[in-house]
Amino acid sequence: MVKEVEHMDPWNNTEYLPCQSKNEVPELSMLCAELSKIASYQFFAVAEYPVHICHHSLDKVSKYVDMTKMYPENENINEFPSQEQWALAEKNRGMKLEHSSSAFACNFRAILDILTKT
């Protein structure tokens, strides 16, 4: 079962990324073309408001890109928890965090952030 999941990992096997597949599905070609036009990275460079990024660098489902290093001139971008804090959490728990647990932590943090600001 694990080997099957690893084989279907789109970051290691691009055949499972519909917009990067060698056998592009005709029904998705227009969607893929539009998605390539609206990459969110461009918004981080010019963000004039706080952007809090919560993303574990070892996430196997959602690929990690360090926006703080990509756009060091924009002080509005920060990571919380930091990658060091993720590593400390893993050390304290004695296990590597999976996508579901790191996603839960990020969503929980966002909810707390919203609740404490209202």
PDB file of N, CA and C in Angstrom:
ATOM      1  N   MET A   1       0.822  -1.199   0.000  1.00  0.00           N
ATOM      2  CA  MET A   1       0.000   0.000   0.000  1.00  0.00           C
ATOM      3  C   MET A   1       0.867   1.265   0.000  1.00  0.00           C
ATOM      4  N   VAL A   2       1.911   1.306   0.850  1.00  0.00           N
ATOM      5  CA  VAL A   2       2.766   2.481   0.925  1.00  0.00           C
ATOM      6  C   VAL A   2       3.450   2.737  -0.403  1.00  0.00           C
ATOM      7  N   LYS A   3       3.945   1.690  -1.070  1.00  0.00           N
ATOM      8  CA  LYS A   3       4.606   1.857  -2.369  1.00  0.00           C
ATOM      9  C   LYS A   3       3.642   2.432  -3.398  1.00  0.00           C
ATOM     10  N   GLU A   4       2.367   2.002  -3.351  1.00  0.00           N
ATOM     11  CA  GLU A   4       1.371   2.531  -4.282  1.00  0.00           C
ATOM     12  C   GLU A   4       1.173   4.021  -4.059  1.00  0.00           C
ATOM     13  N   VAL A   5       1.096   4.428  -2.807  1.00  0.00           N
ATOM     14  CA  VAL A   5       0.914   5.847  -2.491  1.00  0.00           C
ATOM     15  C   VAL A   5       2.132   6.638  -2.927  1.00  0.00           C
ATOM     16  N   GLU A   6       3.336   6.138  -2.670  1.00  0.00           N
ATOM     17  CA  GLU A   6       4.550   6.829  -3.088  1.00  0.00           C
ATOM     18  C   GLU A   6       4.603   6.967  -4.601  1.00  0.00           C
ATOM     19  N   HIS A   7       4.157   5.938  -5.317  1.00  0.00           N
ATOM     20  CA  HIS A   7       4.155   5.985  -6.775  1.00  0.00           C
ATOM     21  C   HIS A   7       3.202   7.069  -7.274  1.00  0.00           C
ATOM     22  N   MET A   8       2.124   7.309  -6.539  1.00  0.00           N
ATOM     23  CA  MET A   8       1.144   8.304  -6.952  1.00  0.00           C
ATOM     24  C   MET A   8       1.442   9.693  -6.398  1.00  0.00           C
ATOM     25  N   ASP A   9       2.588   9.856  -5.752  1.00  0.00           N
ATOM     26  CA  ASP A   9       2.994  11.142  -5.209  1.00  0.00           C
ATOM     27  C   ASP A   9       3.332  12.069  -6.375  1.00  0.00           C
ATOM     28  N   PRO A  10       2.552  13.132  -6.582  1.00  0.00           N
ATOM     29  CA  PRO A  10       2.773  13.994  -7.752  1.00  0.00           C
ATOM     30  C   PRO A  10       4.102  14.737  -7.742  1.00  0.00           C
ATOM     31  N   TRP A  11       4.738  14.883  -6.594  1.00  0.00           N
ATOM     32  CA  TRP A  11       6.009  15.597  -6.559  1.00  0.00           C
ATOM     33  C   TRP A  11       7.151  14.707  -7.001  1.00  0.00           C
ATOM     34  N   ASN A  12       6.974  13.384  -6.894  1.00  0.00           N
ATOM     35  CA  ASN A  12       8.005  12.452  -7.334  1.00  0.00           C
ATOM     36  C   ASN A  12       7.662  11.797  -8.671  1.00  0.00           C
ATOM     37  N   ASN A  13       6.412  11.814  -9.026  1.00  0.00           N
ATOM     38  CA  ASN A  13       5.965  11.210 -10.272  1.00  0.00           C
ATOM     39  C   ASN A  13       5.022  12.199 -10.950  1.00  0.00           C
ATOM     40  N   THR A  14       5.568  13.052 -11.815  1.00  0.00           N
ATOM     41  CA  THR A  14       4.783  14.134 -12.414  1.00  0.00           C
ATOM     42  C   THR A  14       3.653  13.639 -13.303  1.00  0.00           C
ATOM     43  N   GLU A  15       3.607  12.353 -13.584  1.00  0.00           N
ATOM     44  CA  GLU A  15       2.501  11.812 -14.370  1.00  0.00           C
ATOM     45  C   GLU A  15       1.170  12.009 -13.641  1.00  0.00           C
ATOM     46  N   TYR A  16       1.229  12.209 -12.320  1.00  0.00           N
ATOM     47  CA  TYR A  16       0.012  12.418 -11.537  1.00  0.00           C
ATOM     48  C   TYR A  16      -0.309  13.891 -11.325  1.00  0.00           C
ATOM     49  N   LEU A  17       0.428  14.770 -11.979  1.00  0.00           N
ATOM     50  CA  LEU A  17       0.092  16.191 -11.989  1.00  0.00           C
ATOM     51  C   LEU A  17      -0.582  16.458 -13.329  1.00  0.00           C
ATOM     52  N   PRO A  18      -1.882  16.647 -13.342  1.00  0.00           N
ATOM     53  CA  PRO A  18      -2.607  16.755 -14.615  1.00  0.00           C
ATOM     54  C   PRO A  18      -2.059  17.820 -15.555  1.00  0.00           C
ATOM     55  N   CYS A  19      -1.559  18.918 -15.001  1.00  0.00           N
ATOM     56  CA  CYS A  19      -1.068  19.993 -15.860  1.00  0.00           C
ATOM     57  C   CYS A  19       0.379  19.795 -16.295  1.00  0.00           C
ATOM     58  N   GLN A  20       1.049  18.767 -15.797  1.00  0.00           N
ATOM     59  CA  GLN A  20       2.432  18.506 -16.196  1.00  0.00           C
ATOM     60  C   GLN A  20       2.599  17.124 -16.809  1.00  0.00           C
ATOM     61  N   SER A  21       1.518  16.429 -16.984  1.00  0.00           N
ATOM     62  CA  SER A  21       1.564  15.069 -17.504  1.00  0.00           C
ATOM     63  C   SER A  21       1.985  15.060 -18.968  1.00  0.00           C
ATOM     64  N   LYS A  22       2.696  13.997 -19.351  1.00  0.00           N
ATOM     65  CA  LYS A  22       3.058  13.820 -20.764  1.00  0.00           C
ATOM     66  C   LYS A  22       1.808  13.511 -21.579  1.00  0.00           C
ATOM     67  N   ASN A  23       0.816  12.937 -20.923  1.00  0.00           N
ATOM     68  CA  ASN A  23      -0.444  12.582 -21.591  1.00  0.00           C
ATOM     69  C   ASN A  23      -1.545  13.512 -21.103  1.00  0.00           C
ATOM     70  N   GLU A  24      -1.414  14.793 -21.450  1.00  0.00           N
ATOM     71  CA  GLU A  24      -2.369  15.797 -20.968  1.00  0.00           C
ATOM     72  C   GLU A  24      -3.790  15.454 -21.396  1.00  0.00           C
ATOM     73  N   VAL A  25      -4.691  15.598 -20.445  1.00  0.00           N
ATOM     74  CA  VAL A  25      -6.106  15.337 -20.706  1.00  0.00           C
ATOM     75  C   VAL A  25      -6.693  16.562 -21.408  1.00  0.00           C
ATOM     76  N   PRO A  26      -7.280  16.382 -22.586  1.00  0.00           N
ATOM     77  CA  PRO A  26      -7.801  17.532 -23.339  1.00  0.00           C
ATOM     78  C   PRO A  26      -8.791  18.383 -22.546  1.00  0.00           C
ATOM     79  N   GLU A  27      -9.592  17.738 -21.710  1.00  0.00           N
ATOM     80  CA  GLU A  27     -10.598  18.472 -20.932  1.00  0.00           C
ATOM     81  C   GLU A  27      -9.958  19.425 -19.924  1.00  0.00           C
ATOM     82  N   LEU A  28      -8.718  19.173 -19.558  1.00  0.00           N
ATOM     83  CA  LEU A  28      -8.047  20.010 -18.561  1.00  0.00           C
ATOM     84  C   LEU A  28      -7.121  21.052 -19.160  1.00  0.00           C
ATOM     85  N   SER A  29      -6.905  21.021 -20.456  1.00  0.00           N
ATOM     86  CA  SER A  29      -5.919  21.922 -21.054  1.00  0.00           C
ATOM     87  C   SER A  29      -6.254  23.393 -20.816  1.00  0.00           C
ATOM     88  N   MET A  30      -7.520  23.781 -20.924  1.00  0.00           N
ATOM     89  CA  MET A  30      -7.897  25.171 -20.699  1.00  0.00           C
ATOM     90  C   MET A  30      -7.718  25.541 -19.215  1.00  0.00           C
ATOM     91  N   LEU A  31      -8.094  24.630 -18.318  1.00  0.00           N
ATOM     92  CA  LEU A  31      -7.912  24.871 -16.891  1.00  0.00           C
ATOM     93  C   LEU A  31      -6.430  25.033 -16.565  1.00  0.00           C
ATOM     94  N   CYS A  32      -5.591  24.157 -17.095  1.00  0.00           N
ATOM     95  CA  CYS A  32      -4.147  24.232 -16.844  1.00  0.00           C
ATOM     96  C   CYS A  32      -3.569  25.545 -17.363  1.00  0.00           C
ATOM     97  N   ALA A  33      -4.014  25.986 -18.513  1.00  0.00           N
ATOM     98  CA  ALA A  33      -3.528  27.247 -19.084  1.00  0.00           C
ATOM     99  C   ALA A  33      -3.893  28.424 -18.176  1.00  0.00           C
ATOM    100  N   GLU A  34      -5.106  28.429 -17.656  1.00  0.00           N
ATOM    101  CA  GLU A  34      -5.543  29.516 -16.770  1.00  0.00           C
ATOM    102  C   GLU A  34      -4.821  29.471 -15.434  1.00  0.00           C
ATOM    103  N   LEU A  35      -4.627  28.271 -14.884  1.00  0.00           N
ATOM    104  CA  LEU A  35      -3.923  28.147 -13.602  1.00  0.00           C
ATOM    105  C   LEU A  35      -2.491  28.653 -13.697  1.00  0.00           C
ATOM    106  N   SER A  36      -1.855  28.433 -14.835  1.00  0.00           N
ATOM    107  CA  SER A  36      -0.473  28.893 -14.987  1.00  0.00           C
ATOM    108  C   SER A  36      -0.393  30.420 -15.002  1.00  0.00           C
ATOM    109  N   LYS A  37      -1.470  31.090 -15.359  1.00  0.00           N
ATOM    110  CA  LYS A  37      -1.485  32.556 -15.402  1.00  0.00           C
ATOM    111  C   LYS A  37      -1.647  33.183 -14.020  1.00  0.00           C
ATOM    112  N   ILE A  38      -2.224  32.431 -13.075  1.00  0.00           N
ATOM    113  CA  ILE A  38      -2.556  33.034 -11.789  1.00  0.00           C
ATOM    114  C   ILE A  38      -1.738  32.471 -10.630  1.00  0.00           C
ATOM    115  N   ALA A  39      -0.493  32.164 -10.860  1.00  0.00           N
ATOM    116  CA  ALA A  39       0.358  31.661  -9.785  1.00  0.00           C
ATOM    117  C   ALA A  39       0.371  32.678  -8.645  1.00  0.00           C
ATOM    118  N   SER A  40       0.201  32.204  -7.437  1.00  0.00           N
ATOM    119  CA  SER A  40       0.092  33.099  -6.281  1.00  0.00           C
ATOM    120  C   SER A  40       1.416  33.721  -5.874  1.00  0.00           C
ATOM    121  N   TYR A  41       2.531  33.158  -6.330  1.00  0.00           N
ATOM    122  CA  TYR A  41       3.836  33.677  -5.926  1.00  0.00           C
ATOM    123  C   TYR A  41       3.981  35.172  -6.188  1.00  0.00           C
ATOM    124  N   GLN A  42       3.425  35.649  -7.269  1.00  0.00           N
ATOM    125  CA  GLN A  42       3.573  37.053  -7.624  1.00  0.00           C
ATOM    126  C   GLN A  42       2.979  37.983  -6.566  1.00  0.00           C
ATOM    127  N   PHE A  43       1.972  37.534  -5.840  1.00  0.00           N
ATOM    128  CA  PHE A  43       1.331  38.371  -4.836  1.00  0.00           C
ATOM    129  C   PHE A  43       2.189  38.536  -3.585  1.00  0.00           C
ATOM    130  N   PHE A  44       3.023  37.542  -3.284  1.00  0.00           N
ATOM    131  CA  PHE A  44       3.868  37.621  -2.103  1.00  0.00           C
ATOM    132  C   PHE A  44       4.921  38.717  -2.233  1.00  0.00           C
ATOM    133  N   ALA A  45       5.412  38.936  -3.412  1.00  0.00           N
ATOM    134  CA  ALA A  45       6.468  39.932  -3.618  1.00  0.00           C
ATOM    135  C   ALA A  45       6.006  41.340  -3.274  1.00  0.00           C
ATOM    136  N   VAL A  46       4.747  41.634  -3.499  1.00  0.00           N
ATOM    137  CA  VAL A  46       4.250  43.002  -3.317  1.00  0.00           C
ATOM    138  C   VAL A  46       3.235  43.145  -2.184  1.00  0.00           C
ATOM    139  N   ALA A  47       3.063  42.121  -1.369  1.00  0.00           N
ATOM    140  CA  ALA A  47       2.072  42.176  -0.284  1.00  0.00           C
ATOM    141  C   ALA A  47       2.384  43.340   0.658  1.00  0.00           C
ATOM    142  N   GLU A  48       1.382  44.180   0.879  1.00  0.00           N
ATOM    143  CA  GLU A  48       1.538  45.337   1.764  1.00  0.00           C
ATOM    144  C   GLU A  48       0.822  45.101   3.087  1.00  0.00           C
ATOM    145  N   TYR A  49       0.597  43.869   3.426  1.00  0.00           N
ATOM    146  CA  TYR A  49      -0.122  43.466   4.633  1.00  0.00           C
ATOM    147  C   TYR A  49       0.569  42.213   5.168  1.00  0.00           C
ATOM    148  N   PRO A  50       0.363  41.893   6.430  1.00  0.00           N
ATOM    149  CA  PRO A  50       1.026  40.707   6.987  1.00  0.00           C
ATOM    150  C   PRO A  50       0.571  39.412   6.314  1.00  0.00           C
ATOM    151  N   VAL A  51       1.521  38.616   5.899  1.00  0.00           N
ATOM    152  CA  VAL A  51       1.252  37.304   5.307  1.00  0.00           C
ATOM    153  C   VAL A  51       1.912  36.267   6.212  1.00  0.00           C
ATOM    154  N   HIS A  52       1.089  35.494   6.918  1.00  0.00           N
ATOM    155  CA  HIS A  52       1.592  34.480   7.837  1.00  0.00           C
ATOM    156  C   HIS A  52       1.500  33.126   7.148  1.00  0.00           C
ATOM    157  N   ILE A  53       2.627  32.524   6.888  1.00  0.00           N
ATOM    158  CA  ILE A  53       2.671  31.246   6.193  1.00  0.00           C
ATOM    159  C   ILE A  53       2.878  30.132   7.211  1.00  0.00           C
ATOM    160  N   CYS A  54       1.996  29.155   7.167  1.00  0.00           N
ATOM    161  CA  CYS A  54       2.094  27.996   8.049  1.00  0.00           C
ATOM    162  C   CYS A  54       2.225  26.776   7.146  1.00  0.00           C
ATOM    163  N   HIS A  55       3.465  26.277   7.026  1.00  0.00           N
ATOM    164  CA  HIS A  55       3.710  25.172   6.101  1.00  0.00           C
ATOM    165  C   HIS A  55       4.939  24.400   6.547  1.00  0.00           C
ATOM    166  N   HIS A  56       4.782  23.133   6.742  1.00  0.00           N
ATOM    167  CA  HIS A  56       5.895  22.279   7.165  1.00  0.00           C
ATOM    168  C   HIS A  56       6.719  21.911   5.932  1.00  0.00           C
ATOM    169  N   SER A  57       8.023  22.106   6.010  1.00  0.00           N
ATOM    170  CA  SER A  57       8.882  21.873   4.843  1.00  0.00           C
ATOM    171  C   SER A  57       8.941  20.406   4.419  1.00  0.00           C
ATOM    172  N   LEU A  58       8.607  19.480   5.311  1.00  0.00           N
ATOM    173  CA  LEU A  58       8.656  18.058   4.969  1.00  0.00           C
ATOM    174  C   LEU A  58       7.303  17.506   4.522  1.00  0.00           C
ATOM    175  N   ASP A  59       6.338  18.375   4.295  1.00  0.00           N
ATOM    176  CA  ASP A  59       5.009  17.940   3.846  1.00  0.00           C
ATOM    177  C   ASP A  59       5.138  17.225   2.505  1.00  0.00           C
ATOM    178  N   LYS A  60       4.639  16.006   2.418  1.00  0.00           N
ATOM    179  CA  LYS A  60       4.749  15.217   1.190  1.00  0.00           C
ATOM    180  C   LYS A  60       3.565  15.426   0.245  1.00  0.00           C
ATOM    181  N   VAL A  61       2.537  16.130   0.708  1.00  0.00           N
ATOM    182  CA  VAL A  61       1.364  16.347  -0.133  1.00  0.00           C
ATOM    183  C   VAL A  61       1.408  17.721  -0.788  1.00  0.00           C
ATOM    184  N   SER A  62       1.709  18.720  -0.012  1.00  0.00           N
ATOM    185  CA  SER A  62       1.744  20.090  -0.504  1.00  0.00           C
ATOM    186  C   SER A  62       3.189  20.573  -0.505  1.00  0.00           C
ATOM    187  N   LYS A  63       3.726  20.785  -1.671  1.00  0.00           N
ATOM    188  CA  LYS A  63       5.157  21.116  -1.799  1.00  0.00           C
ATOM    189  C   LYS A  63       5.482  22.442  -1.109  1.00  0.00           C
ATOM    190  N   TYR A  64       6.582  22.435  -0.379  1.00  0.00           N
ATOM    191  CA  TYR A  64       7.024  23.598   0.393  1.00  0.00           C
ATOM    192  C   TYR A  64       7.929  24.494  -0.443  1.00  0.00           C
ATOM    193  N   VAL A  65       7.671  25.777  -0.391  1.00  0.00           N
ATOM    194  CA  VAL A  65       8.538  26.789  -0.990  1.00  0.00           C
ATOM    195  C   VAL A  65       8.739  27.855   0.082  1.00  0.00           C
ATOM    196  N   ASP A  66       9.971  28.184   0.387  1.00  0.00           N
ATOM    197  CA  ASP A  66      10.261  29.172   1.426  1.00  0.00           C
ATOM    198  C   ASP A  66      10.085  30.580   0.857  1.00  0.00           C
ATOM    199  N   MET A  67       8.922  31.160   1.101  1.00  0.00           N
ATOM    200  CA  MET A  67       8.618  32.491   0.583  1.00  0.00           C
ATOM    201  C   MET A  67       9.437  33.577   1.271  1.00  0.00           C
ATOM    202  N   THR A  68       9.847  33.330   2.514  1.00  0.00           N
ATOM    203  CA  THR A  68      10.664  34.335   3.201  1.00  0.00           C
ATOM    204  C   THR A  68      12.036  34.468   2.547  1.00  0.00           C
ATOM    205  N   LYS A  69      12.539  33.382   1.979  1.00  0.00           N
ATOM    206  CA  LYS A  69      13.822  33.441   1.261  1.00  0.00           C
ATOM    207  C   LYS A  69      13.629  33.878  -0.185  1.00  0.00           C
ATOM    208  N   MET A  70      12.470  33.555  -0.739  1.00  0.00           N
ATOM    209  CA  MET A  70      12.197  33.943  -2.120  1.00  0.00           C
ATOM    210  C   MET A  70      12.003  35.461  -2.232  1.00  0.00           C
ATOM    211  N   TYR A  71      11.392  36.048  -1.184  1.00  0.00           N
ATOM    212  CA  TYR A  71      11.134  37.492  -1.177  1.00  0.00           C
ATOM    213  C   TYR A  71      11.665  38.116   0.115  1.00  0.00           C
ATOM    214  N   PRO A  72      12.981  38.100   0.335  1.00  0.00           N
ATOM    215  CA  PRO A  72      13.531  38.601   1.598  1.00  0.00           C
ATOM    216  C   PRO A  72      13.317  40.095   1.808  1.00  0.00           C
ATOM    217  N   GLU A  73      13.087  40.832   0.731  1.00  0.00           N
ATOM    218  CA  GLU A  73      12.897  42.276   0.855  1.00  0.00           C
ATOM    219  C   GLU A  73      11.518  42.644   1.410  1.00  0.00           C
ATOM    220  N   ASN A  74      10.577  41.697   1.378  1.00  0.00           N
ATOM    221  CA  ASN A  74       9.234  41.984   1.890  1.00  0.00           C
ATOM    222  C   ASN A  74       9.125  41.519   3.341  1.00  0.00           C
ATOM    223  N   GLU A  75       9.162  42.467   4.253  1.00  0.00           N
ATOM    224  CA  GLU A  75       9.109  42.160   5.683  1.00  0.00           C
ATOM    225  C   GLU A  75       7.718  41.739   6.157  1.00  0.00           C
ATOM    226  N   ASN A  76       6.732  41.826   5.298  1.00  0.00           N
ATOM    227  CA  ASN A  76       5.371  41.424   5.663  1.00  0.00           C
ATOM    228  C   ASN A  76       5.186  39.908   5.641  1.00  0.00           C
ATOM    229  N   ILE A  77       6.128  39.187   5.060  1.00  0.00           N
ATOM    230  CA  ILE A  77       6.006  37.732   4.945  1.00  0.00           C
ATOM    231  C   ILE A  77       6.753  37.072   6.094  1.00  0.00           C
ATOM    232  N   ASN A  78       6.070  36.176   6.800  1.00  0.00           N
ATOM    233  CA  ASN A  78       6.746  35.416   7.847  1.00  0.00           C
ATOM    234  C   ASN A  78       6.161  34.014   7.939  1.00  0.00           C
ATOM    235  N   GLU A  79       6.937  33.135   8.523  1.00  0.00           N
ATOM    236  CA  GLU A  79       6.494  31.762   8.745  1.00  0.00           C
ATOM    237  C   GLU A  79       6.207  31.570  10.220  1.00  0.00           C
ATOM    238  N   PHE A  80       5.042  31.032  10.509  1.00  0.00           N
ATOM    239  CA  PHE A  80       4.719  30.677  11.883  1.00  0.00           C
ATOM    240  C   PHE A  80       3.816  29.465  11.877  1.00  0.00           C
ATOM    241  N   PRO A  81       4.242  28.382  12.446  1.00  0.00           N
ATOM    242  CA  PRO A  81       5.517  28.184  13.120  1.00  0.00           C
ATOM    243  C   PRO A  81       6.674  28.172  12.122  1.00  0.00           C
ATOM    244  N   SER A  82       7.838  28.498  12.648  1.00  0.00           N
ATOM    245  CA  SER A  82       9.037  28.464  11.807  1.00  0.00           C
ATOM    246  C   SER A  82       9.430  27.006  11.575  1.00  0.00           C
ATOM    247  N   GLN A  83      10.331  26.773  10.638  1.00  0.00           N
ATOM    248  CA  GLN A  83      10.786  25.405  10.383  1.00  0.00           C
ATOM    249  C   GLN A  83      11.512  24.840  11.610  1.00  0.00           C
ATOM    250  N   GLU A  84      12.168  25.702  12.357  1.00  0.00           N
ATOM    251  CA  GLU A  84      12.816  25.263  13.595  1.00  0.00           C
ATOM    252  C   GLU A  84      11.767  24.805  14.613  1.00  0.00           C
ATOM    253  N   GLN A  85      10.634  25.521  14.678  1.00  0.00           N
ATOM    254  CA  GLN A  85       9.564  25.138  15.605  1.00  0.00           C
ATOM    255  C   GLN A  85       8.915  23.819  15.189  1.00  0.00           C
ATOM    256  N   TRP A  86       8.774  23.597  13.878  1.00  0.00           N
ATOM    257  CA  TRP A  86       8.247  22.303  13.412  1.00  0.00           C
ATOM    258  C   TRP A  86       9.189  21.185  13.851  1.00  0.00           C
ATOM    259  N   ALA A  87      10.507  21.405  13.662  1.00  0.00           N
ATOM    260  CA  ALA A  87      11.494  20.384  14.031  1.00  0.00           C
ATOM    261  C   ALA A  87      11.462  20.106  15.529  1.00  0.00           C
ATOM    262  N   LEU A  88      11.296  21.143  16.336  1.00  0.00           N
ATOM    263  CA  LEU A  88      11.214  20.967  17.789  1.00  0.00           C
ATOM    264  C   LEU A  88       9.958  20.181  18.167  1.00  0.00           C
ATOM    265  N   ALA A  89       8.854  20.472  17.510  1.00  0.00           N
ATOM    266  CA  ALA A  89       7.610  19.732  17.773  1.00  0.00           C
ATOM    267  C   ALA A  89       7.784  18.253  17.445  1.00  0.00           C
ATOM    268  N   GLU A  90       8.461  17.968  16.336  1.00  0.00           N
ATOM    269  CA  GLU A  90       8.713  16.571  15.962  1.00  0.00           C
ATOM    270  C   GLU A  90       9.619  15.894  16.992  1.00  0.00           C
ATOM    271  N   LYS A  91      10.620  16.614  17.436  1.00  0.00           N
ATOM    272  CA  LYS A  91      11.543  16.060  18.427  1.00  0.00           C
ATOM    273  C   LYS A  91      10.798  15.763  19.726  1.00  0.00           C
ATOM    274  N   ASN A  92       9.964  16.709  20.170  1.00  0.00           N
ATOM    275  CA  ASN A  92       9.214  16.532  21.417  1.00  0.00           C
ATOM    276  C   ASN A  92       8.201  15.396  21.325  1.00  0.00           C
ATOM    277  N   ARG A  93       7.611  15.215  20.144  1.00  0.00           N
ATOM    278  CA  ARG A  93       6.629  14.138  19.958  1.00  0.00           C
ATOM    279  C   ARG A  93       7.289  12.802  19.632  1.00  0.00           C
ATOM    280  N   GLY A  94       8.563  12.859  19.232  1.00  0.00           N
ATOM    281  CA  GLY A  94       9.276  11.634  18.888  1.00  0.00           C
ATOM    282  C   GLY A  94       8.798  11.010  17.598  1.00  0.00           C
ATOM    283  N   MET A  95       8.284  11.845  16.678  1.00  0.00           N
ATOM    284  CA  MET A  95       7.793  11.338  15.397  1.00  0.00           C
ATOM    285  C   MET A  95       7.759  12.457  14.370  1.00  0.00           C
ATOM    286  N   LYS A  96       7.814  12.063  13.086  1.00  0.00           N
ATOM    287  CA  LYS A  96       7.699  13.022  11.995  1.00  0.00           C
ATOM    288  C   LYS A  96       6.223  13.372  11.802  1.00  0.00           C
ATOM    289  N   LEU A  97       5.955  14.644  11.558  1.00  0.00           N
ATOM    290  CA  LEU A  97       4.580  15.079  11.341  1.00  0.00           C
ATOM    291  C   LEU A  97       4.159  14.782   9.907  1.00  0.00           C
ATOM    292  N   GLU A  98       3.007  14.215   9.764  1.00  0.00           N
ATOM    293  CA  GLU A  98       2.437  13.935   8.447  1.00  0.00           C
ATOM    294  C   GLU A  98       1.660  15.160   7.972  1.00  0.00           C
ATOM    295  N   HIS A  99       1.211  15.132   6.734  1.00  0.00           N
ATOM    296  CA  HIS A  99       0.446  16.240   6.159  1.00  0.00           C
ATOM    297  C   HIS A  99      -0.792  16.547   6.996  1.00  0.00           C
ATOM    298  N   SER A 100      -1.517  15.513   7.398  1.00  0.00           N
ATOM    299  CA  SER A 100      -2.770  15.747   8.123  1.00  0.00           C
ATOM    300  C   SER A 100      -2.534  16.450   9.459  1.00  0.00           C
ATOM    301  N   SER A 101      -1.497  16.066  10.187  1.00  0.00           N
ATOM    302  CA  SER A 101      -1.254  16.701  11.487  1.00  0.00           C
ATOM    303  C   SER A 101      -0.708  18.120  11.333  1.00  0.00           C
ATOM    304  N   SER A 102       0.133  18.350  10.339  1.00  0.00           N
ATOM    305  CA  SER A 102       0.635  19.714  10.147  1.00  0.00           C
ATOM    306  C   SER A 102      -0.480  20.610   9.591  1.00  0.00           C
ATOM    307  N   ALA A 103      -1.334  20.072   8.727  1.00  0.00           N
ATOM    308  CA  ALA A 103      -2.468  20.851   8.211  1.00  0.00           C
ATOM    309  C   ALA A 103      -3.426  21.201   9.339  1.00  0.00           C
ATOM    310  N   PHE A 104      -3.666  20.235  10.236  1.00  0.00           N
ATOM    311  CA  PHE A 104      -4.543  20.491  11.384  1.00  0.00           C
ATOM    312  C   PHE A 104      -3.960  21.614  12.241  1.00  0.00           C
ATOM    313  N   ALA A 105      -2.651  21.553  12.514  1.00  0.00           N
ATOM    314  CA  ALA A 105      -2.003  22.586  13.329  1.00  0.00           C
ATOM    315  C   ALA A 105      -2.126  23.959  12.669  1.00  0.00           C
ATOM    316  N   CYS A 106      -1.931  24.019  11.362  1.00  0.00           N
ATOM    317  CA  CYS A 106      -2.031  25.294  10.648  1.00  0.00           C
ATOM    318  C   CYS A 106      -3.455  25.831  10.662  1.00  0.00           C
ATOM    319  N   ASN A 107      -4.427  24.954  10.431  1.00  0.00           N
ATOM    320  CA  ASN A 107      -5.828  25.398  10.453  1.00  0.00           C
ATOM    321  C   ASN A 107      -6.242  25.845  11.847  1.00  0.00           C
ATOM    322  N   PHE A 108      -5.823  25.106  12.867  1.00  0.00           N
ATOM    323  CA  PHE A 108      -6.140  25.463  14.237  1.00  0.00           C
ATOM    324  C   PHE A 108      -5.537  26.817  14.590  1.00  0.00           C
ATOM    325  N   ARG A 109      -4.298  27.040  14.174  1.00  0.00           N
ATOM    326  CA  ARG A 109      -3.634  28.316  14.419  1.00  0.00           C
ATOM    327  C   ARG A 109      -4.374  29.465  13.737  1.00  0.00           C
ATOM    328  N   ALA A 110      -4.827  29.235  12.511  1.00  0.00           N
ATOM    329  CA  ALA A 110      -5.567  30.272  11.778  1.00  0.00           C
ATOM    330  C   ALA A 110      -6.887  30.600  12.472  1.00  0.00           C
ATOM    331  N   ILE A 111      -7.572  29.584  12.964  1.00  0.00           N
ATOM    332  CA  ILE A 111      -8.838  29.809  13.677  1.00  0.00           C
ATOM    333  C   ILE A 111      -8.589  30.616  14.947  1.00  0.00           C
ATOM    334  N   LEU A 112      -7.557  30.253  15.693  1.00  0.00           N
ATOM    335  CA  LEU A 112      -7.237  30.998  16.913  1.00  0.00           C
ATOM    336  C   LEU A 112      -6.871  32.448  16.583  1.00  0.00           C
ATOM    337  N   ASP A 113      -6.158  32.651  15.496  1.00  0.00           N
ATOM    338  CA  ASP A 113      -5.774  33.985  15.074  1.00  0.00           C
ATOM    339  C   ASP A 113      -7.020  34.824  14.764  1.00  0.00           C
ATOM    340  N   ILE A 114      -7.967  34.225  14.062  1.00  0.00           N
ATOM    341  CA  ILE A 114      -9.208  34.938  13.722  1.00  0.00           C
ATOM    342  C   ILE A 114     -10.016  35.247  14.982  1.00  0.00           C
ATOM    343  N   LEU A 115     -10.147  34.273  15.864  1.00  0.00           N
ATOM    344  CA  LEU A 115     -10.947  34.451  17.076  1.00  0.00           C
ATOM    345  C   LEU A 115     -10.357  35.491  18.027  1.00  0.00           C
ATOM    346  N   THR A 116      -9.051  35.564  18.075  1.00  0.00           N
ATOM    347  CA  THR A 116      -8.435  36.519  18.998  1.00  0.00           C
ATOM    348  C   THR A 116      -8.377  37.937  18.443  1.00  0.00           C
ATOM    349  N   LYS A 117      -8.657  38.095  17.177  1.00  0.00           N
ATOM    350  CA  LYS A 117      -8.636  39.435  16.584  1.00  0.00           C
ATOM    351  C   LYS A 117     -10.023  40.039  16.463  1.00  0.00           C
ATOM    352  N   THR A 118     -11.038  39.281  16.811  1.00  0.00           N
ATOM    353  CA  THR A 118     -12.405  39.820  16.676  1.00  0.00           C
ATOM    354  C   THR A 118     -12.950  40.252  18.008  1.00  0.00           C
TER     355      THR A 118
END
